[in-house]
Structure formats: C-alpha cells, structure tokens
N, C-alpha and C. Protein backbone atom coordinates (compact mmCIF):
# COMPACT_ATOMS: atom_id res chain seq x y z
N MET A 1 115.76 122.40 94.19
CA MET A 1 116.50 121.01 95.16
C MET A 1 115.85 121.14 96.49
N PRO A 2 116.20 122.18 97.35
CA PRO A 2 116.00 122.20 98.82
C PRO A 2 114.60 121.89 98.76
N GLN A 3 113.49 122.00 97.95
CA GLN A 3 112.14 121.97 98.29
C GLN A 3 111.80 120.13 98.31
N ILE A 4 112.65 119.69 97.25
CA ILE A 4 112.49 118.07 97.11
C ILE A 4 112.72 117.53 98.66
N PHE A 5 113.73 118.16 98.99
CA PHE A 5 114.34 117.27 100.33
C PHE A 5 113.50 117.53 101.40
N ALA A 6 112.98 118.99 101.40
CA ALA A 6 112.06 119.49 102.48
C ALA A 6 110.88 118.70 102.41
N LYS A 7 110.13 118.42 101.40
CA LYS A 7 108.96 117.61 100.77
C LYS A 7 109.34 116.10 101.40
N GLU A 8 110.14 115.58 100.88
CA GLU A 8 110.72 114.10 101.44
C GLU A 8 110.65 113.91 102.94
N THR A 9 111.37 115.00 103.48
CA THR A 9 111.53 115.12 105.34
C THR A 9 110.26 114.95 105.62
N VAL A 10 109.11 115.82 105.32
CA VAL A 10 107.85 115.79 105.79
C VAL A 10 107.19 114.29 105.63
N THR A 11 107.38 113.98 104.38
CA THR A 11 106.88 112.92 104.21
C THR A 11 107.31 111.93 104.89
N ALA A 12 108.58 111.59 105.09
CA ALA A 12 109.07 110.37 105.99
C ALA A 12 108.81 110.46 107.55
N SER A 13 108.41 112.07 107.85
CA SER A 13 108.29 112.13 109.42
C SER A 13 107.02 111.86 109.77
N LYS A 14 106.09 111.62 108.69
CA LYS A 14 104.48 111.34 109.05
C LYS A 14 104.44 109.99 109.66
N SER A 15 103.95 109.64 110.56
CA SER A 15 103.32 108.26 110.77
C SER A 15 102.84 107.70 109.75
N ALA A 16 103.03 106.31 109.85
CA ALA A 16 102.29 105.41 108.50
C ALA A 16 101.26 105.05 109.33
N ILE A 17 100.86 105.18 110.40
CA ILE A 17 99.96 104.13 111.29
C ILE A 17 98.67 105.04 111.53
N ASN A 18 97.60 104.89 111.03
CA ASN A 18 96.18 105.45 111.25
C ASN A 18 95.47 104.84 112.65
N GLU A 19 95.48 105.28 113.83
CA GLU A 19 94.62 104.23 114.66
C GLU A 19 93.47 105.05 115.08
N GLN A 20 92.89 105.75 114.07
CA GLN A 20 91.43 106.25 114.09
C GLN A 20 90.32 105.44 113.86
N PRO A 21 89.24 105.10 114.63
CA PRO A 21 88.30 104.05 114.23
C PRO A 21 87.42 104.72 112.88
N PHE A 22 87.00 103.60 111.86
CA PHE A 22 86.57 104.08 110.94
C PHE A 22 85.74 102.80 110.25
N ALA A 23 84.76 103.08 109.18
CA ALA A 23 84.00 102.11 108.32
C ALA A 23 84.52 102.21 106.98
N PRO A 24 85.00 100.67 106.50
CA PRO A 24 85.49 100.97 105.31
C PRO A 24 84.25 101.00 104.16
N THR A 25 84.69 101.74 103.04
CA THR A 25 83.76 101.83 101.99
C THR A 25 83.89 100.90 100.80
N ILE A 26 83.16 100.39 100.41
CA ILE A 26 83.27 99.80 98.94
C ILE A 26 83.56 100.51 97.91
N VAL A 27 84.61 100.48 97.27
CA VAL A 27 84.96 101.18 96.14
C VAL A 27 84.68 100.41 94.78
N ARG A 28 84.87 99.01 94.91
CA ARG A 28 84.59 98.16 93.72
C ARG A 28 83.52 96.98 94.10
N PRO A 29 82.35 96.96 93.71
CA PRO A 29 81.79 95.59 94.44
C PRO A 29 82.32 94.54 93.60
N THR A 30 82.25 93.44 94.52
CA THR A 30 82.66 92.13 93.57
C THR A 30 81.95 90.89 94.40
N GLN A 31 82.04 89.66 94.10
CA GLN A 31 81.34 88.56 94.47
C GLN A 31 82.00 88.24 95.96
N VAL A 32 83.25 88.59 95.94
CA VAL A 32 83.65 88.04 97.31
C VAL A 32 83.09 89.01 98.69
N LEU A 33 82.67 89.96 98.28
CA LEU A 33 81.82 90.73 99.42
C LEU A 33 80.66 90.48 99.47
N ASN A 34 79.95 89.75 98.62
CA ASN A 34 78.48 89.65 98.35
C ASN A 34 77.64 89.41 99.82
N ASP A 35 78.34 88.21 100.70
CA ASP A 35 77.43 88.12 101.80
C ASP A 35 78.42 88.78 102.86
N ILE A 36 79.11 89.60 102.80
CA ILE A 36 79.56 90.35 103.94
C ILE A 36 78.84 91.70 104.22
N ARG A 37 78.13 91.88 105.13
CA ARG A 37 77.24 93.54 105.44
C ARG A 37 78.16 94.23 106.26
N LEU A 38 78.72 94.96 105.46
CA LEU A 38 79.72 96.05 105.83
C LEU A 38 79.02 97.37 107.03
N ASP A 39 77.75 97.37 106.42
CA ASP A 39 76.76 98.29 107.31
C ASP A 39 76.57 97.97 108.83
N GLU A 40 76.60 96.42 109.03
CA GLU A 40 76.41 96.02 110.23
C GLU A 40 77.68 95.90 111.22
N ALA A 41 78.75 95.92 110.17
CA ALA A 41 80.09 95.56 111.00
C ALA A 41 80.77 96.56 112.09
N PRO A 42 81.60 95.95 112.71
CA PRO A 42 81.91 97.28 113.79
C PRO A 42 82.92 97.88 113.00
N PHE A 43 83.08 99.13 113.71
CA PHE A 43 84.36 100.17 113.25
C PHE A 43 85.73 99.41 113.36
N LEU A 44 86.52 99.56 112.22
CA LEU A 44 88.00 99.09 112.47
C LEU A 44 88.47 100.08 113.28
N LEU A 45 89.79 99.50 114.03
CA LEU A 45 90.32 100.75 114.96
C LEU A 45 91.68 101.05 114.38
N GLY A 46 92.22 100.71 113.03
CA GLY A 46 93.17 101.62 112.60
C GLY A 46 93.61 100.73 111.31
N TYR A 47 94.70 101.45 110.66
CA TYR A 47 95.36 100.63 109.39
C TYR A 47 96.64 101.38 109.40
N VAL A 48 97.56 100.54 108.35
CA VAL A 48 98.65 101.01 108.03
C VAL A 48 98.71 101.84 106.64
N ILE A 49 98.96 103.19 106.68
CA ILE A 49 98.77 103.91 105.22
C ILE A 49 99.79 103.35 104.34
N THR A 50 99.16 102.80 103.06
CA THR A 50 99.75 102.36 101.80
C THR A 50 99.18 102.96 100.72
N ARG A 51 100.11 102.77 99.50
CA ARG A 51 99.76 103.31 97.95
C ARG A 51 99.09 101.97 97.49
N PRO A 52 98.16 102.01 96.55
CA PRO A 52 97.99 100.71 95.63
C PRO A 52 98.95 100.70 94.28
N LYS A 53 99.28 99.29 93.99
CA LYS A 53 100.28 99.34 92.89
C LYS A 53 99.72 100.13 91.77
N PRO A 54 100.20 100.64 90.89
CA PRO A 54 99.54 101.12 89.47
C PRO A 54 98.54 100.09 88.78
N THR A 55 98.67 99.13 88.63
CA THR A 55 97.79 98.34 88.06
C THR A 55 96.56 97.40 88.81
N ALA A 56 96.65 97.98 90.27
CA ALA A 56 95.96 97.32 91.46
C ALA A 56 94.91 97.58 90.99
N GLU A 57 93.66 96.88 91.56
CA GLU A 57 92.27 97.09 91.70
C GLU A 57 91.67 97.13 93.48
N VAL A 58 91.60 98.63 93.62
CA VAL A 58 90.94 98.93 95.31
C VAL A 58 89.77 98.53 95.51
N ILE A 59 89.42 97.65 96.30
CA ILE A 59 88.04 96.97 96.35
C ILE A 59 87.52 97.77 97.66
N LEU A 60 88.28 97.69 98.59
CA LEU A 60 87.61 98.60 99.89
C LEU A 60 88.64 99.62 100.22
N ALA A 61 88.38 100.79 100.88
CA ALA A 61 88.92 102.02 101.00
C ALA A 61 88.77 102.20 102.44
N THR A 62 89.45 103.21 103.08
CA THR A 62 89.00 104.12 104.08
C THR A 62 88.31 105.36 103.65
N GLU A 63 87.62 105.90 104.73
CA GLU A 63 86.90 107.04 104.57
C GLU A 63 88.02 108.19 104.18
N ALA A 64 89.14 108.09 104.27
CA ALA A 64 90.20 109.22 103.56
C ALA A 64 90.61 108.82 102.49
N GLY A 65 90.21 107.50 101.80
CA GLY A 65 90.49 107.34 100.63
C GLY A 65 91.53 106.52 100.32
N ASP A 66 92.30 106.14 101.49
CA ASP A 66 93.34 104.96 101.80
C ASP A 66 92.98 104.06 101.17
N PRO A 67 93.73 102.98 100.31
CA PRO A 67 93.28 101.64 99.96
C PRO A 67 93.31 100.55 101.26
N LEU A 68 92.50 99.81 101.42
CA LEU A 68 92.07 98.94 102.50
C LEU A 68 92.47 97.18 102.15
N LEU A 69 91.76 97.35 100.61
CA LEU A 69 91.77 96.01 100.24
C LEU A 69 92.13 96.20 98.80
N ALA A 70 93.05 95.53 98.15
CA ALA A 70 93.46 95.63 96.55
C ALA A 70 93.80 94.26 96.14
N TRP A 71 93.68 94.21 94.95
CA TRP A 71 94.19 93.01 94.32
C TRP A 71 94.90 93.35 92.90
N TRP A 72 95.80 92.53 92.58
CA TRP A 72 96.30 92.64 91.13
C TRP A 72 96.65 91.51 90.67
N ARG A 73 96.73 91.41 89.31
CA ARG A 73 97.43 90.46 88.66
C ARG A 73 98.84 90.20 88.76
N TYR A 74 99.52 88.98 89.04
CA TYR A 74 101.08 88.97 89.16
C TYR A 74 101.48 87.95 88.36
N GLY A 75 102.40 88.51 87.38
CA GLY A 75 102.91 87.12 86.53
C GLY A 75 101.87 86.81 85.38
N LEU A 76 101.91 85.68 84.99
CA LEU A 76 101.09 85.27 83.98
C LEU A 76 99.72 84.63 84.56
N GLY A 77 99.53 84.40 85.93
CA GLY A 77 98.46 83.90 86.26
C GLY A 77 97.93 84.59 86.94
C-alpha cells in the first residue's frame, strides 16, 4: 500500500506543463492535415501533458510521444 501512495505522490508532484520547443509528428495521416506542411512550420513552444481516451485516435504527437491532437466518436454521431 505505501508504494501506491508513493507513486501517486510522485505523479501528482510533476508539472503537467512542458515548455520545451518541439516539432509535432504525424502519428496517423488524415485529409485534415494534407495541406499543412509540418516540416516547414516553426517549433511549438510548449503543451499541457495529457493522456488520450481509450477509444481516441491520436493524430499528432510530441517527440516524447505525448498526444497533441486526437479525436474520437462521442455518442451516436
């Protein structure tokens, strides 16, 4: 039990903000990104670290593998 609390404490104490410049990477090519030239885009200067929902499709990710753009179906539509 103490190990669980220790792990949760370390996780909660980490900052959820990453302010290091990075270039996004395409995880899943889509038509939405067809006209966007990511290789010519400037670096992004930071992001809030998140986790994708289990049914989400990650489209763009950071160099560390964190999701940057994801979508999923919600409800019937």
